[in-house]
Protein backbone atom coordinates (compact mmCIF):
# COMPACT_ATOMS: atom_id res chain seq x y z
CA UNK A 1 0.00 0.00 0.00
CA UNK A 2 1.28 3.43 -0.90
CA UNK A 3 2.56 5.39 2.14
CA UNK A 4 0.16 8.33 1.66
CA UNK A 5 -2.86 6.04 1.23
CA UNK A 6 -1.89 4.23 4.43
CA UNK A 7 -2.21 7.46 6.42
CA UNK A 8 -5.40 8.53 4.66
CA UNK A 9 -7.06 5.58 6.43
CA UNK A 10 -6.67 7.57 9.66
CA UNK A 11 -8.16 10.84 8.38
CA UNK A 12 -11.63 10.27 9.83
CA UNK A 13 -11.48 11.04 13.57
CA UNK A 14 -14.66 10.66 15.57
CA UNK A 15 -16.00 13.32 17.99
CA UNK A 16 -14.46 12.94 21.44
CA UNK A 17 -16.10 13.91 24.73
CA UNK A 18 -13.55 14.77 27.43
CA UNK A 19 -15.15 14.10 30.84
CA UNK A 20 -12.18 15.79 32.49
CA UNK A 21 -8.55 16.45 31.61
CA UNK A 22 -7.67 12.76 32.03
CA UNK A 23 -10.59 10.80 30.57
CA UNK A 24 -12.47 10.94 27.30
CA UNK A 25 -14.98 8.82 25.45
CA UNK A 26 -15.79 8.31 21.81
CA UNK A 27 -17.88 5.94 19.76
CA UNK A 28 -17.20 4.10 16.53
CA UNK A 29 -20.25 2.28 15.23
CA UNK A 30 -21.86 0.57 18.21
CA UNK A 31 -18.60 0.35 20.16
CA UNK A 32 -17.64 2.72 22.95
CA UNK A 33 -13.98 3.58 23.55
CA UNK A 34 -12.24 5.30 26.41
CA UNK A 35 -9.03 7.38 26.37
CA UNK A 36 -7.02 7.79 29.57
CA UNK A 37 -4.28 10.43 29.76
CA UNK A 38 -2.63 10.25 33.18
CA UNK A 39 -0.30 13.08 34.25
CA UNK A 40 3.08 12.23 35.74
CA UNK A 41 6.22 14.05 36.81
CA UNK A 42 9.73 12.68 36.66
CA UNK A 43 13.16 13.78 37.74
CA UNK A 44 15.44 14.67 34.86
CA UNK A 45 19.18 14.05 34.91
CA UNK A 46 19.85 17.79 35.12
CA UNK A 47 17.80 17.97 38.37
CA UNK A 48 14.83 19.63 36.70
CA UNK A 49 11.44 18.01 36.72
CA UNK A 50 9.73 16.95 33.55
CA UNK A 51 6.04 16.50 32.97
CA UNK A 52 4.30 13.94 30.86
CA UNK A 53 1.19 12.00 30.03
CA UNK A 54 0.78 8.27 29.75
CA UNK A 55 -1.87 7.64 27.16
CA UNK A 56 -3.87 4.47 26.71
CA UNK A 57 -7.17 3.62 25.13
CA UNK A 58 -9.42 0.67 24.67
CA UNK A 59 -12.83 -0.77 23.99
CA UNK A 60 -15.16 0.06 26.88
CA UNK A 61 -17.76 -2.65 27.49
CA UNK A 62 -19.26 -0.86 30.49
CA UNK A 63 -17.42 -3.00 33.03
CA UNK A 64 -13.80 -2.73 31.91
CA UNK A 65 -11.64 -1.22 29.20
CA UNK A 66 -10.03 -3.78 26.90
CA UNK A 67 -6.72 -2.57 25.51
CA UNK A 68 -4.79 -4.27 22.74
CA UNK A 69 -6.23 -5.64 19.55
CA UNK A 70 -10.00 -5.91 19.84
CA UNK A 71 -10.89 -7.30 16.39
CA UNK A 72 -13.88 -4.91 16.30
CA UNK A 73 -13.23 -3.97 12.67
CA UNK A 74 -12.85 -0.27 13.50
CA UNK A 75 -9.06 0.02 13.60
CA UNK A 76 -8.63 2.89 11.12
CA UNK A 77 -11.34 5.08 12.71
CA UNK A 78 -10.13 4.31 16.24
CA UNK A 79 -6.50 5.04 15.36
CA UNK A 80 -7.50 8.17 13.43
CA UNK A 81 -9.35 9.42 16.51
CA UNK A 82 -6.43 8.58 18.79
CA UNK A 83 -3.95 10.26 16.46
CA UNK A 84 -6.01 13.46 16.42
CA UNK A 85 -6.19 13.42 20.24
CA UNK A 86 -2.43 12.86 20.61
CA UNK A 87 -1.77 15.79 18.28
CA UNK A 88 -4.13 17.90 20.37
CA UNK A 89 -2.35 16.88 23.61
CA UNK A 90 1.01 17.83 22.07
CA UNK A 91 -0.41 21.20 21.02
CA UNK A 92 -1.97 21.95 24.42
CA UNK A 93 1.03 20.70 26.45
CA UNK A 94 4.08 21.53 24.32
CA UNK A 95 6.56 20.89 27.15
CA UNK A 96 5.17 17.48 28.12
CA UNK A 97 6.24 14.00 27.12
CA UNK A 98 3.73 11.56 25.69
CA UNK A 99 4.35 7.96 26.74
CA UNK A 100 2.48 4.92 25.52
CA UNK A 101 3.08 1.21 25.09
CA UNK A 102 2.25 -1.61 22.71
CA UNK A 103 2.60 -5.36 22.97
CA UNK A 104 1.34 -6.80 19.68
CA UNK A 105 3.85 -6.76 16.77
CA UNK A 106 1.31 -5.18 14.39
CA UNK A 107 0.53 -2.40 16.89
CA UNK A 108 4.26 -1.77 17.52
CA UNK A 109 4.82 -1.40 13.78
CA UNK A 110 1.79 0.87 13.42
CA UNK A 111 2.89 3.15 16.26
CA UNK A 112 6.36 3.50 14.75
CA UNK A 113 4.85 4.61 11.45
CA UNK A 114 2.37 7.00 13.04
CA UNK A 115 5.01 8.60 15.24
CA UNK A 116 7.41 9.11 12.34
CA UNK A 117 4.61 10.82 10.44
CA UNK A 118 3.12 12.98 13.20
CA UNK A 119 5.80 13.71 15.81
CA UNK A 120 6.98 16.76 13.87
CA UNK A 121 10.08 18.31 15.40
CA UNK A 122 9.71 16.37 18.66
CA UNK A 123 12.17 13.66 19.64
CA UNK A 124 11.06 10.04 19.42
CA UNK A 125 12.33 7.20 21.60
CA UNK A 126 11.39 3.54 21.63
CA UNK A 127 12.62 0.55 23.53
CA UNK A 128 11.35 -2.60 25.19
CA UNK A 129 9.98 -2.01 28.67
CA UNK A 130 12.27 -3.56 31.24
CA UNK A 131 9.46 -5.42 33.02
CA UNK A 132 6.14 -5.49 31.15
CA UNK A 133 6.98 -7.27 27.90
CA UNK A 134 5.74 -4.24 25.97
CA UNK A 135 7.47 -1.66 23.82
CA UNK A 136 7.66 1.83 25.27
CA UNK A 137 7.19 4.82 22.95
CA UNK A 138 8.12 8.34 24.06
CA UNK A 139 7.49 11.56 22.15
CA UNK A 140 9.42 14.41 23.74
CA UNK A 141 9.82 18.13 23.01
CA UNK A 142 13.46 17.89 24.18
CA UNK A 143 16.30 15.40 24.04
CA UNK A 144 16.38 12.76 26.78
CA UNK A 145 19.59 11.10 27.84
CA UNK A 146 19.78 7.28 27.88
CA UNK A 147 19.39 7.17 31.68
CA UNK A 148 16.11 9.10 31.48
CA UNK A 149 14.77 6.76 28.80
CA UNK A 150 15.83 3.74 30.90
CA UNK A 151 14.13 5.22 33.98
CA UNK A 152 10.89 5.73 32.05
CA UNK A 153 11.17 2.18 30.72
CA UNK A 154 11.37 0.85 34.26
CA UNK A 155 8.39 2.95 35.30
CA UNK A 156 6.08 1.85 32.51
C-alpha cells in the first residue's frame, strides 16, 4: 500500500467527549472507547522536573476497558481518533512527554509509522519495557539522555 494512502485511512477522527482532563470517550459504530491520559512528573538528569502523560485507550464494554487488539473492525477510525487526540495533547502541552506502550507486533509497527509521520520536530524514543513485555514509545519536546529513557522504561 502506498505510504500516503496508508495514512489517509486515519483521516476520519470521531468526535471525542472529554469528561475531564484525564478521561475521554468516543464511539465508533456501536462500540464505545475510552481514552485515559494520566499526568506524571519525573526527575530529569539535570535535576529539573519533567512532565508527561501516559496515554492508553481501549474498547469500553461498560465493566472494563479492553486494551490491545479488539478485532472490532474499527481500527482505522479508532487510530484516526487517537492520532487526532495525541496531536491535540502535544499542542496543548508543548513541554510534556507523551508515553504509551504496545505489545502486539502489528501495533508496535503501526505506532512507529504513526510517530514518524506525526511527531513533527519532537524527539522520538522507543525501547522494550524492562518489566512489562511491551514496547515503550516516548514523544518528547526535548532530548532525553539514555538514563532518562531507561528510567521511564522501568516505570512503565
